[in-house]
Amino acid sequence: MKHAARYLRRAWNWLTSMRTALVLLFLLAVAAIPGALLPQRNLSLANVEEYLAENGRLAQFYDRLQLFDVFSSTWFTAIYVLLMISLVGCIIPRSWEHYKAMRTPPVRPPKRLERMPHHSSDVDAREMAEVESVVRERFSRWRVAEYTPQEDRAGKSAFSAERGYAHEFFNLVFHLSLVALLVTVGLGRLVYYEGHVIVVTESGSNDSLALNQSTEFCNTSPANFDSFRAGPLFDGTGLNPFCFHAHDFTADYLPSGQAEMFSSNISYAEGEDITKDPATWEDYELKVNHPLRMSGDRLYLQGHGFAPTFTVTWPNGEQRTQTLQWRPDDPTFFLSSGAMRFDPPAGMYPDLYERRQNQLAIQGLFAPTAQWSGENGELLTSSFPTMRDPAVAIDVYRGDNGLDTGVGQNIFTLDPTLIHAGQLQKIDRVNLTQGQSVTLDDGTVVTFEGANEYANYVVASDPTEVWVLVSAVTMLGSLVASLMVKRRRVWVRLSPASGGGTLVEMAGLARTDRAGWGAEFEVLRRRVLGLPEDDEEEE
């Protein structure tokens, strides 16, 4: 047991050393590199799946090492937890040392004051009792300790004065604030949640949205989000209920196409107000870096794109209209790619197999401001990020598009295996501007109705954010204050002079930065001796 306790003590001392903390900090930085170089599942599952498909066994090996889930991996969490323990183990003992230093009374004068950086020896004509009174008065704002000849190392009456104890106080506050910051950040990662949702707005070149596309979002369940992540202690039942309606999305662009500002006008309601008439909901202009704060939740505007609308008119006259967001491939001019899948009306094909063979799929490009190039002017690009002349270049497929398989599919691309296997067959390739249509070989008409803008909204909640802010501000404030306060000591030793009067010996020592200390010591000396101060002020 003694050996085990000794090894545990050594392990703890090693873990809580500053050297170990620096090593762990370096390891954490190195461990974060794969998270910056490789796609991460919590940010983009589609990119991870694409990487796995393109890189085969190497990508599978990366996956076994949890390199696509770096920041939630076992090894990254282990390094992070060890670093937190090491930092707290380093900081708490040092905080105790600063507390003891703050409470320590001034030390006795050294036996030989002349060895100090600043020293003076003068004869004062006044009696020693009067000089003692002057010393007490001059150092009334200092922490002072008096020593009798029996207590002094040199056998004389002496004073020890010390100032700048606030330096240790602010050091203590800094270390405790750092611990509080680490703890609150760690707790915040356990109970936070963050959800992303794409909402198509009402504004756009399309007169009306498809019936299956909502412009409203309600924060009532994690299932309502397009992507959702949360801390391990959040079970999904503590969402703050609110709804918002996205009226529009506006982007200000420079002539070069570079965005200056994004904004979105929304109306929202919280709690029981959700059931009221939407016309009575509160209005808010959401901007980048200007979130809407509601009962601890924050609603951010992050990113945008376009959602084209297509209408398919079947030979029997029935229609299906769909509006779906497409992915911006060009972040400047928003040339976007995407796909849509349509199921025929139920009454057209009573046989299930036949109906599956007549499903339609669309895949192609969308340009908000079309620019045509190439030999025949058929190559579609975008010349500006706003919708001035929307157009699409699409391939139309017929066959089994996978809607009945029950397997989730990428909304931006068709499954290439269905095309390679012949389940989906391309029947037309066409370029369409807004309002144009194409008639397929069986009489089905595909119409490009236009497009609406969509915005990516982020709902985030962290109950500890206020405490993190308080800890960070306190830590920085105390650090600045500790750098401004100088800790200094002065010793005064008095003894009768041989020719009468009092021999006054003084010495000074600055425990931190010595800048300006020589001038201050000279001011103190002159005050004790009653000499003119030459217009110098004590700091």
Protein backbone atom coordinates (compact mmCIF):
# COMPACT_ATOMS: atom_id res chain seq x y z
CA MET A 1 0.00 0.00 0.00
CA LYS A 2 2.85 2.38 0.80
CA HIS A 3 4.44 1.73 -2.58
CA ALA A 4 1.11 2.22 -4.36
CA ALA A 5 0.49 5.50 -2.52
CA ARG A 6 3.98 6.67 -3.40
CA TYR A 7 3.51 5.86 -7.09
CA LEU A 8 0.11 7.57 -7.10
CA ARG A 9 1.65 10.65 -5.49
CA ARG A 10 4.41 10.70 -8.10
CA ALA A 11 1.88 10.29 -10.90
CA TRP A 12 -0.20 13.15 -9.50
CA ASN A 13 2.84 15.39 -9.15
CA TRP A 14 3.83 14.59 -12.71
CA LEU A 15 0.34 15.24 -14.06
CA THR A 16 -0.04 18.56 -12.23
CA SER A 17 3.36 19.95 -13.21
CA MET A 18 3.48 22.90 -15.56
CA ARG A 19 5.75 20.96 -17.93
CA THR A 20 3.10 18.23 -18.31
CA ALA A 21 0.39 20.83 -18.89
CA LEU A 22 2.44 22.37 -21.71
CA VAL A 23 3.07 18.95 -23.25
CA LEU A 24 -0.65 18.11 -23.12
CA LEU A 25 -1.50 21.49 -24.64
CA PHE A 26 0.90 20.76 -27.49
CA LEU A 27 -0.62 17.30 -27.97
CA LEU A 28 -4.12 18.79 -28.05
CA ALA A 29 -3.06 21.22 -30.78
CA VAL A 30 -1.51 18.38 -32.80
CA ALA A 31 -4.58 16.17 -32.26
CA ALA A 32 -6.82 18.93 -33.65
CA ILE A 33 -4.97 18.98 -37.00
CA PRO A 34 -6.91 16.03 -38.53
CA GLY A 35 -10.12 17.80 -37.58
CA ALA A 36 -9.07 20.75 -39.73
CA LEU A 37 -7.83 18.68 -42.69
CA LEU A 38 -10.50 15.97 -42.89
CA PRO A 39 -14.31 16.39 -43.12
CA GLN A 40 -16.13 15.90 -39.83
CA ARG A 41 -19.43 14.08 -39.39
CA ASN A 42 -20.90 16.63 -37.03
CA LEU A 43 -20.37 19.36 -39.63
CA SER A 44 -20.99 17.62 -42.95
CA LEU A 45 -22.04 13.97 -43.10
CA ALA A 46 -22.30 14.19 -46.89
CA ASN A 47 -18.65 15.24 -47.24
CA VAL A 48 -17.55 12.36 -45.00
CA GLU A 49 -19.53 9.82 -47.05
CA GLU A 50 -18.07 11.26 -50.26
CA TYR A 51 -14.54 11.01 -48.81
CA LEU A 52 -15.17 7.40 -47.77
CA ALA A 53 -16.44 6.51 -51.24
CA GLU A 54 -13.49 8.12 -53.02
CA ASN A 55 -10.62 6.90 -50.80
CA GLY A 56 -11.47 3.28 -50.09
CA ARG A 57 -9.39 1.44 -47.50
CA LEU A 58 -7.41 4.51 -46.46
CA ALA A 59 -10.63 6.33 -45.55
CA GLN A 60 -11.87 3.25 -43.69
CA PHE A 61 -8.63 3.18 -41.71
CA TYR A 62 -9.12 6.87 -40.88
CA ASP A 63 -12.64 6.07 -39.77
CA ARG A 64 -11.44 3.35 -37.40
CA LEU A 65 -9.09 5.93 -35.88
CA GLN A 66 -12.09 8.26 -35.42
CA LEU A 67 -10.47 10.89 -37.62
CA PHE A 68 -13.87 11.91 -38.99
CA ASP A 69 -15.09 12.53 -35.43
CA VAL A 70 -11.94 14.09 -34.02
CA PHE A 71 -13.44 16.43 -31.44
CA SER A 72 -15.74 13.78 -30.00
CA SER A 73 -13.26 10.90 -30.29
CA THR A 74 -12.09 8.91 -27.30
CA TRP A 75 -8.44 9.88 -27.64
CA PHE A 76 -9.13 13.61 -28.12
CA THR A 77 -11.47 13.61 -25.11
CA ALA A 78 -8.82 11.83 -23.04
CA ILE A 79 -6.19 14.46 -23.90
CA TYR A 80 -8.66 17.26 -23.19
CA VAL A 81 -9.69 15.83 -19.81
CA LEU A 82 -6.06 15.22 -18.77
CA LEU A 83 -5.22 18.78 -19.78
CA MET A 84 -8.08 20.15 -17.69
CA ILE A 85 -7.02 18.09 -14.66
CA SER A 86 -3.40 19.13 -15.14
CA LEU A 87 -4.27 22.83 -15.41
CA VAL A 88 -6.55 22.77 -12.39
CA GLY A 89 -3.92 20.80 -10.46
CA CYS A 90 -1.32 23.41 -11.41
CA ILE A 91 -3.48 26.44 -10.70
CA ILE A 92 -5.04 25.55 -7.33
CA PRO A 93 -1.71 25.14 -5.43
CA ARG A 94 -0.40 28.32 -7.00
CA SER A 95 -3.58 30.13 -6.01
CA TRP A 96 -3.00 28.99 -2.43
CA GLU A 97 0.56 30.30 -2.59
CA HIS A 98 -0.67 33.68 -3.81
CA TYR A 99 -3.23 33.75 -1.00
CA LYS A 100 -0.54 33.05 1.60
CA ALA A 101 1.72 35.71 0.07
CA MET A 102 -1.15 38.18 0.25
CA ARG A 103 -1.58 37.43 3.97
CA THR A 104 2.13 37.41 4.82
CA PRO A 105 3.23 40.32 7.08
CA PRO A 106 6.30 42.38 6.12
CA VAL A 107 9.54 40.50 6.75
CA ARG A 108 12.15 41.67 9.24
CA PRO A 109 14.88 43.95 7.90
CA PRO A 110 18.02 42.16 6.74
CA LYS A 111 21.10 42.59 8.92
CA ARG A 112 23.03 44.56 6.28
CA LEU A 113 20.78 47.05 4.52
CA GLU A 114 23.62 48.34 2.34
CA ARG A 115 23.38 45.20 0.22
CA MET A 116 19.93 46.14 -1.04
CA PRO A 117 19.49 47.64 -4.54
CA HIS A 118 18.55 51.00 -3.01
CA HIS A 119 20.18 52.14 0.22
CA SER A 120 20.78 55.39 2.09
CA SER A 121 22.31 56.35 5.41
CA ASP A 122 21.66 59.84 6.80
CA VAL A 123 21.93 61.66 10.13
CA ASP A 124 18.78 63.46 11.21
CA ALA A 125 19.09 66.21 13.82
CA ARG A 126 15.78 65.22 15.42
CA GLU A 127 15.44 62.90 18.36
CA MET A 128 14.83 59.24 17.60
CA ALA A 129 11.30 59.27 19.08
CA GLU A 130 10.34 62.11 16.77
CA VAL A 131 11.80 60.31 13.76
CA GLU A 132 9.89 57.16 14.69
CA SER A 133 6.69 59.20 14.74
CA VAL A 134 7.50 60.63 11.30
CA VAL A 135 8.16 57.10 9.92
CA ARG A 136 4.79 55.87 11.20
CA GLU A 137 3.07 58.86 9.63
CA ARG A 138 4.85 58.59 6.27
CA PHE A 139 4.11 54.87 5.96
CA SER A 140 0.54 55.03 7.26
CA ARG A 141 -0.82 53.69 3.95
CA TRP A 142 1.68 50.84 3.89
CA ARG A 143 1.53 47.57 5.76
CA VAL A 144 4.04 48.19 8.57
CA ALA A 145 5.70 46.02 11.19
CA GLU A 146 7.83 47.45 14.02
CA TYR A 147 10.74 45.66 15.65
CA THR A 148 12.46 46.43 18.95
CA PRO A 149 16.24 46.23 19.30
CA GLN A 150 15.81 42.78 20.82
CA GLU A 151 13.86 41.56 17.75
CA ASP A 152 15.99 43.25 15.08
CA ARG A 153 18.89 41.37 13.54
CA ALA A 154 21.19 44.39 13.99
CA GLY A 155 19.98 45.17 17.53
CA LYS A 156 18.35 48.52 16.63
CA SER A 157 14.83 49.90 16.33
CA ALA A 158 13.52 49.02 12.89
CA PHE A 159 10.49 49.25 10.66
CA SER A 160 9.43 47.02 7.78
CA ALA A 161 6.95 48.52 5.32
CA GLU A 162 5.49 46.80 2.31
CA ARG A 163 3.10 47.95 -0.37
CA GLY A 164 1.50 46.42 -3.46
CA TYR A 165 -0.30 43.49 -1.83
CA ALA A 166 -3.01 44.06 -4.45
CA HIS A 167 -0.56 42.48 -6.90
CA GLU A 168 -0.94 39.15 -5.12
CA PHE A 169 -4.70 39.68 -4.79
CA PHE A 170 -5.11 40.17 -8.52
CA ASN A 171 -2.85 37.19 -9.18
CA LEU A 172 -5.13 35.12 -6.97
CA VAL A 173 -8.23 36.40 -8.77
CA PHE A 174 -6.58 35.68 -12.15
CA HIS A 175 -5.83 32.06 -11.25
CA LEU A 176 -9.26 31.44 -9.76
CA SER A 177 -10.92 33.05 -12.79
CA LEU A 178 -8.89 30.79 -15.07
CA VAL A 179 -10.12 27.75 -13.15
CA ALA A 180 -13.69 29.08 -13.34
CA LEU A 181 -13.29 29.62 -17.09
CA LEU A 182 -12.06 26.06 -17.63
CA VAL A 183 -14.84 24.59 -15.49
CA THR A 184 -17.65 26.64 -17.07
CA VAL A 185 -16.44 25.89 -20.61
CA GLY A 186 -16.30 22.19 -19.76
CA LEU A 187 -19.77 22.23 -18.22
CA GLY A 188 -21.09 24.17 -21.20
CA ARG A 189 -19.89 21.45 -23.56
CA LEU A 190 -21.89 18.92 -21.52
CA VAL A 191 -25.25 20.72 -21.60
CA TYR A 192 -25.19 22.82 -24.80
CA TYR A 193 -27.08 22.18 -28.00
CA GLU A 194 -26.85 23.60 -31.52
CA GLY A 195 -29.14 22.96 -34.45
CA HIS A 196 -29.00 24.02 -38.11
CA VAL A 197 -32.09 24.38 -40.25
CA ILE A 198 -32.63 25.60 -43.80
CA VAL A 199 -35.78 27.64 -44.30
CA VAL A 200 -36.92 28.84 -47.72
CA THR A 201 -38.08 32.44 -47.56
CA GLU A 202 -41.06 33.99 -49.27
CA SER A 203 -38.97 36.30 -51.46
CA GLY A 204 -37.69 35.18 -54.83
CA SER A 205 -38.46 34.97 -58.53
CA ASN A 206 -41.08 32.30 -57.85
CA ASP A 207 -44.50 33.82 -57.24
CA SER A 208 -45.51 31.21 -54.68
CA LEU A 209 -43.81 28.37 -52.88
CA ALA A 210 -44.67 24.77 -53.44
CA LEU A 211 -47.18 23.35 -51.02
CA ASN A 212 -44.58 20.99 -49.54
CA GLN A 213 -42.17 23.78 -48.63
CA SER A 214 -42.68 25.64 -45.35
CA THR A 215 -41.28 29.09 -44.54
CA GLU A 216 -41.73 28.48 -40.80
CA PHE A 217 -39.65 26.66 -38.22
CA CYS A 218 -40.51 25.66 -34.65
CA ASN A 219 -37.90 24.85 -32.02
CA THR A 220 -39.91 22.10 -30.38
CA SER A 221 -37.97 18.93 -31.20
CA PRO A 222 -34.44 17.98 -32.34
CA ALA A 223 -36.11 16.14 -35.23
CA ASN A 224 -37.15 19.50 -36.73
CA PHE A 225 -33.54 20.43 -37.47
CA ASP A 226 -31.58 19.46 -40.56
CA SER A 227 -28.58 18.80 -38.32
CA PHE A 228 -28.42 18.77 -34.54
CA ARG A 229 -25.65 18.25 -32.01
CA ALA A 230 -25.67 18.49 -28.25
CA GLY A 231 -23.67 17.74 -25.15
CA PRO A 232 -23.86 14.30 -23.52
CA LEU A 233 -26.05 15.60 -20.67
CA PHE A 234 -28.67 17.12 -22.99
CA ASP A 235 -31.47 14.65 -23.68
CA GLY A 236 -33.38 16.72 -26.23
CA THR A 237 -36.33 17.53 -23.95
CA GLY A 238 -35.15 20.91 -22.69
CA LEU A 239 -35.69 22.95 -25.84
CA ASN A 240 -37.09 26.42 -25.39
CA PRO A 241 -40.28 26.38 -27.53
CA PHE A 242 -40.44 29.13 -30.11
CA CYS A 243 -41.37 29.50 -33.76
CA PHE A 244 -40.26 31.94 -36.41
CA HIS A 245 -41.49 32.77 -39.89
CA ALA A 246 -38.89 33.72 -42.52
CA HIS A 247 -40.27 36.55 -44.66
CA ASP A 248 -37.24 37.31 -46.80
CA PHE A 249 -33.51 37.18 -47.21
CA THR A 250 -31.52 40.20 -48.38
CA ALA A 251 -27.87 40.37 -49.35
CA ASP A 252 -25.91 43.49 -50.19
CA TYR A 253 -23.20 42.92 -52.76
CA LEU A 254 -20.30 44.91 -54.15
CA PRO A 255 -20.05 45.23 -57.95
CA SER A 256 -17.49 42.42 -57.85
CA GLY A 257 -20.10 40.09 -56.33
CA GLN A 258 -18.55 40.06 -52.86
CA ALA A 259 -21.16 40.14 -50.11
CA GLU A 260 -21.22 43.06 -47.68
CA MET A 261 -24.10 42.12 -45.37
CA PHE A 262 -26.80 39.46 -45.04
CA SER A 263 -30.13 40.10 -43.34
CA SER A 264 -33.45 38.35 -42.95
CA ASN A 265 -36.74 39.78 -41.73
CA ILE A 266 -38.55 37.30 -39.51
CA SER A 267 -41.46 37.26 -37.12
CA TYR A 268 -41.30 35.07 -34.04
CA ALA A 269 -43.19 33.99 -30.92
CA GLU A 270 -42.19 32.14 -27.75
CA GLY A 271 -44.02 29.78 -25.44
CA GLU A 272 -47.79 30.12 -25.40
CA ASP A 273 -47.65 33.02 -27.87
CA ILE A 274 -46.96 30.44 -30.60
CA THR A 275 -50.68 29.61 -30.70
CA LYS A 276 -51.67 33.23 -31.33
CA ASP A 277 -52.34 34.74 -34.73
CA PRO A 278 -49.00 34.93 -36.62
CA ALA A 279 -49.89 38.49 -37.55
CA THR A 280 -49.35 39.40 -33.88
CA TRP A 281 -45.88 37.84 -33.66
CA GLU A 282 -42.93 40.14 -33.01
CA ASP A 283 -40.82 41.29 -35.95
CA TYR A 284 -37.04 41.21 -35.99
CA GLU A 285 -34.35 41.91 -38.57
CA LEU A 286 -31.78 39.16 -38.25
CA LYS A 287 -28.26 40.02 -39.39
CA VAL A 288 -24.87 38.34 -39.43
CA ASN A 289 -23.32 38.66 -35.95
CA HIS A 290 -26.58 40.18 -34.64
CA PRO A 291 -28.48 37.15 -33.29
CA LEU A 292 -31.94 37.13 -31.82
CA ARG A 293 -31.79 36.17 -28.14
CA MET A 294 -34.76 34.39 -26.60
CA SER A 295 -34.82 32.88 -23.09
CA GLY A 296 -31.26 31.63 -23.30
CA ASP A 297 -31.42 30.59 -26.96
CA ARG A 298 -29.73 32.47 -29.77
CA LEU A 299 -30.94 32.48 -33.35
CA TYR A 300 -28.18 33.21 -35.89
CA LEU A 301 -28.27 33.85 -39.62
CA GLN A 302 -25.56 31.78 -41.29
CA GLY A 303 -25.28 31.30 -45.00
CA HIS A 304 -27.85 31.20 -47.79
CA GLY A 305 -28.57 29.79 -51.21
CA PHE A 306 -31.36 29.19 -53.72
CA ALA A 307 -34.24 26.74 -53.93
CA PRO A 308 -35.54 26.20 -57.49
CA THR A 309 -39.16 25.24 -58.08
CA PHE A 310 -40.22 22.69 -60.69
CA THR A 311 -43.71 21.62 -61.68
CA VAL A 312 -44.27 18.24 -63.36
CA THR A 313 -47.52 17.90 -65.30
CA TRP A 314 -48.34 14.28 -66.04
CA PRO A 315 -50.20 13.18 -69.20
CA ASN A 316 -53.46 12.83 -67.23
CA GLY A 317 -53.26 16.51 -66.20
CA GLU A 318 -52.19 15.96 -62.58
CA GLN A 319 -49.35 18.10 -61.28
CA ARG A 320 -46.62 17.84 -58.71
CA THR A 321 -44.72 20.99 -57.64
CA GLN A 322 -41.58 20.88 -55.57
CA THR A 323 -39.25 23.52 -54.14
CA LEU A 324 -35.95 22.28 -52.76
CA GLN A 325 -32.69 23.89 -51.77
CA TRP A 326 -29.68 23.35 -54.04
CA ARG A 327 -26.09 23.45 -52.89
CA PRO A 328 -23.99 26.51 -53.82
CA ASP A 329 -20.87 25.18 -55.57
CA ASP A 330 -19.60 28.69 -56.31
CA PRO A 331 -19.59 30.73 -53.07
CA THR A 332 -19.22 34.00 -55.01
CA PHE A 333 -21.76 33.84 -57.84
CA PHE A 334 -23.82 30.95 -56.39
CA LEU A 335 -23.85 28.56 -59.30
CA SER A 336 -25.65 25.73 -57.48
CA SER A 337 -26.21 22.02 -58.01
CA GLY A 338 -29.02 19.83 -56.81
CA ALA A 339 -31.52 17.10 -57.52
CA MET A 340 -35.25 16.45 -57.20
CA ARG A 341 -37.33 13.28 -57.25
CA PHE A 342 -40.99 13.00 -58.32
CA ASP A 343 -43.43 10.14 -57.81
CA PRO A 344 -46.24 9.71 -60.40
CA PRO A 345 -49.87 10.13 -59.30
CA ALA A 346 -51.23 7.01 -57.66
CA GLY A 347 -54.00 6.48 -60.18
CA MET A 348 -51.82 6.50 -63.29
CA TYR A 349 -50.05 3.21 -62.65
CA PRO A 350 -52.07 0.72 -60.55
CA ASP A 351 -49.18 -1.73 -60.67
CA LEU A 352 -46.51 -0.84 -58.06
CA TYR A 353 -43.63 -2.02 -60.23
CA GLU A 354 -44.83 -0.02 -63.22
CA ARG A 355 -45.25 3.08 -61.11
CA ARG A 356 -41.68 2.75 -59.82
CA GLN A 357 -40.36 2.48 -63.37
CA ASN A 358 -42.01 5.80 -64.24
CA GLN A 359 -40.67 7.91 -61.40
CA LEU A 360 -38.85 11.05 -62.50
CA ALA A 361 -35.63 12.58 -61.28
CA ILE A 362 -34.00 15.91 -62.11
CA GLN A 363 -30.36 16.75 -61.60
CA GLY A 364 -28.43 19.79 -62.75
CA LEU A 365 -27.25 23.34 -62.19
CA PHE A 366 -29.00 26.56 -61.22
CA ALA A 367 -27.70 30.09 -61.89
CA PRO A 368 -29.35 33.13 -60.27
CA THR A 369 -28.02 35.35 -63.08
CA ALA A 370 -27.51 33.16 -66.11
CA GLN A 371 -24.53 33.54 -68.39
CA TRP A 372 -24.26 31.22 -71.38
CA SER A 373 -20.95 30.24 -72.96
CA GLY A 374 -19.46 27.50 -75.09
CA GLU A 375 -19.60 26.90 -78.83
CA ASN A 376 -23.38 26.68 -78.95
CA GLY A 377 -24.04 28.90 -75.95
CA GLU A 378 -25.28 25.95 -73.91
CA LEU A 379 -22.80 26.01 -71.01
CA LEU A 380 -24.47 27.58 -67.98
CA THR A 381 -22.57 29.72 -65.49
CA SER A 382 -23.58 32.51 -63.12
CA SER A 383 -22.39 36.09 -63.48
CA PHE A 384 -23.82 37.58 -60.27
CA PRO A 385 -25.13 36.22 -56.95
CA THR A 386 -28.55 37.92 -57.06
CA MET A 387 -31.56 36.63 -59.00
CA ARG A 388 -31.64 38.78 -62.11
CA ASP A 389 -32.12 36.11 -64.76
CA PRO A 390 -32.51 32.64 -63.18
CA ALA A 391 -31.95 29.58 -65.34
CA VAL A 392 -31.23 25.87 -64.98
CA ALA A 393 -29.32 23.26 -66.96
CA ILE A 394 -30.81 19.88 -66.07
CA ASP A 395 -30.78 16.20 -66.93
CA VAL A 396 -34.16 14.44 -66.66
CA TYR A 397 -34.21 10.78 -65.69
CA ARG A 398 -36.99 8.21 -65.68
CA GLY A 399 -37.04 4.97 -63.69
CA ASP A 400 -36.78 3.82 -60.09
CA ASN A 401 -35.32 6.83 -58.29
CA GLY A 402 -35.17 5.07 -54.92
CA LEU A 403 -38.08 6.82 -53.22
CA ASP A 404 -39.59 3.50 -52.10
CA THR A 405 -36.45 1.90 -50.69
CA GLY A 406 -36.73 3.51 -47.26
CA VAL A 407 -33.03 4.42 -47.44
CA GLY A 408 -32.05 8.05 -46.99
CA GLN A 409 -30.60 9.74 -50.06
CA ASN A 410 -28.46 12.78 -50.68
CA ILE A 411 -30.78 15.68 -51.50
CA PHE A 412 -28.14 17.35 -53.69
CA THR A 413 -27.22 14.44 -55.99
CA LEU A 414 -28.85 11.34 -57.41
CA ASP A 415 -27.50 7.98 -56.37
CA PRO A 416 -24.91 7.19 -59.10
CA THR A 417 -25.36 3.43 -58.57
CA LEU A 418 -28.97 3.73 -59.76
CA ILE A 419 -27.77 5.38 -62.97
CA HIS A 420 -24.93 2.91 -63.55
CA ALA A 421 -27.27 -0.05 -62.91
CA GLY A 422 -29.80 1.28 -65.43
CA GLN A 423 -32.55 1.81 -62.86
CA LEU A 424 -32.54 5.49 -63.84
CA GLN A 425 -32.22 6.33 -67.51
CA LYS A 426 -31.56 9.81 -68.86
CA ILE A 427 -34.26 10.83 -71.28
CA ASP A 428 -33.46 14.50 -71.85
CA ARG A 429 -30.93 17.26 -71.24
CA VAL A 430 -32.25 20.78 -71.46
CA ASN A 431 -31.59 24.40 -70.48
CA LEU A 432 -34.54 26.36 -69.11
CA THR A 433 -35.11 29.93 -68.08
CA GLN A 434 -37.89 30.96 -65.71
CA GLY A 435 -41.31 29.90 -67.03
CA GLN A 436 -39.95 27.63 -69.78
CA SER A 437 -40.98 23.99 -70.09
CA VAL A 438 -39.82 20.80 -71.74
CA THR A 439 -42.15 18.05 -72.95
CA LEU A 440 -40.87 14.53 -72.50
CA ASP A 441 -41.40 11.59 -74.88
CA ASP A 442 -44.53 10.40 -73.02
CA GLY A 443 -46.16 13.85 -72.91
CA THR A 444 -45.05 14.73 -69.37
CA VAL A 445 -44.23 18.43 -69.06
CA VAL A 446 -41.46 19.71 -66.75
CA THR A 447 -41.64 23.46 -66.02
CA PHE A 448 -39.05 25.62 -64.30
CA GLU A 449 -41.14 28.04 -62.23
CA GLY A 450 -38.32 30.11 -60.78
CA ALA A 451 -36.58 30.04 -57.42
CA ASN A 452 -36.71 31.34 -53.89
CA GLU A 453 -33.84 32.17 -51.60
CA TYR A 454 -33.24 30.08 -48.53
CA ALA A 455 -31.25 30.91 -45.42
CA ASN A 456 -29.43 28.69 -42.98
CA TYR A 457 -30.54 29.50 -39.44
CA VAL A 458 -28.67 28.28 -36.37
CA VAL A 459 -30.30 27.83 -32.97
CA ALA A 460 -27.73 27.65 -30.16
CA SER A 461 -28.05 27.38 -26.41
CA ASP A 462 -25.38 27.31 -23.72
CA PRO A 463 -26.61 27.93 -20.14
CA THR A 464 -23.05 28.66 -18.99
CA GLU A 465 -22.25 31.40 -21.52
CA VAL A 466 -22.83 34.22 -18.99
CA TRP A 467 -20.47 32.59 -16.49
CA VAL A 468 -17.89 32.01 -19.21
CA LEU A 469 -18.07 35.70 -20.10
CA VAL A 470 -17.82 36.79 -16.45
CA SER A 471 -14.85 34.46 -15.87
CA ALA A 472 -13.06 35.66 -19.01
CA VAL A 473 -13.59 39.36 -18.27
CA THR A 474 -12.51 38.89 -14.64
CA MET A 475 -9.44 36.94 -15.72
CA LEU A 476 -8.33 39.60 -18.21
CA GLY A 477 -9.11 42.47 -15.84
CA SER A 478 -7.18 40.92 -12.97
CA LEU A 479 -4.23 40.13 -15.27
CA VAL A 480 -4.01 43.75 -16.38
CA ALA A 481 -4.37 44.97 -12.80
CA SER A 482 -1.64 42.62 -11.53
CA LEU A 483 0.73 43.97 -14.17
CA MET A 484 0.00 47.55 -13.14
CA VAL A 485 0.52 47.05 -9.40
CA LYS A 486 4.15 46.95 -8.15
CA ARG A 487 5.10 45.09 -5.01
CA ARG A 488 7.87 46.95 -3.06
CA ARG A 489 9.47 46.83 0.37
CA VAL A 490 11.15 49.50 2.47
CA TRP A 491 13.14 49.00 5.66
CA VAL A 492 14.03 51.78 8.08
CA ARG A 493 16.52 51.27 10.91
CA LEU A 494 17.04 53.97 13.56
CA SER A 495 19.84 54.39 16.07
CA PRO A 496 21.40 57.29 18.04
CA ALA A 497 24.08 59.10 16.01
CA SER A 498 27.53 59.53 17.58
CA GLY A 499 27.43 63.33 17.28
CA GLY A 500 23.80 63.63 18.38
CA GLY A 501 20.55 63.21 16.51
CA THR A 502 19.43 60.00 14.83
CA LEU A 503 21.13 57.76 12.29
CA VAL A 504 18.49 56.85 9.67
CA GLU A 505 19.28 53.86 7.48
CA MET A 506 16.85 53.03 4.69
CA ALA A 507 16.79 50.29 2.04
CA GLY A 508 14.30 49.45 -0.68
CA LEU A 509 13.54 46.45 -2.80
CA ALA A 510 11.02 46.09 -5.65
CA ARG A 511 9.67 42.53 -5.79
CA THR A 512 8.40 42.91 -9.34
CA ASP A 513 9.25 45.45 -12.04
CA ARG A 514 11.82 47.98 -10.82
CA ALA A 515 10.80 50.67 -13.35
CA GLY A 516 10.39 53.95 -11.48
CA TRP A 517 11.29 52.46 -8.12
CA GLY A 518 14.49 54.45 -7.70
CA ALA A 519 12.63 57.76 -7.95
CA GLU A 520 9.95 56.57 -5.51
CA PHE A 521 12.55 55.42 -2.99
CA GLU A 522 14.23 58.83 -3.13
CA VAL A 523 10.88 60.54 -2.50
CA LEU A 524 10.30 58.32 0.55
CA ARG A 525 13.78 59.05 1.88
CA ARG A 526 13.27 62.82 1.60
CA ARG A 527 9.90 62.61 3.32
CA VAL A 528 11.29 60.69 6.26
CA LEU A 529 14.18 63.14 6.61
CA GLY A 530 11.95 66.18 6.08
CA LEU A 531 13.84 67.33 2.98
CA PRO A 532 12.28 69.07 -0.09
CA GLU A 533 10.86 66.56 -2.58
CA ASP A 534 11.83 68.49 -5.75
CA ASP A 535 8.21 68.32 -6.97
CA GLU A 536 8.35 64.52 -7.28
CA GLU A 537 5.23 62.56 -6.38
CA GLU A 538 5.04 59.12 -4.88
CA GLU A 539 3.49 56.61 -7.25
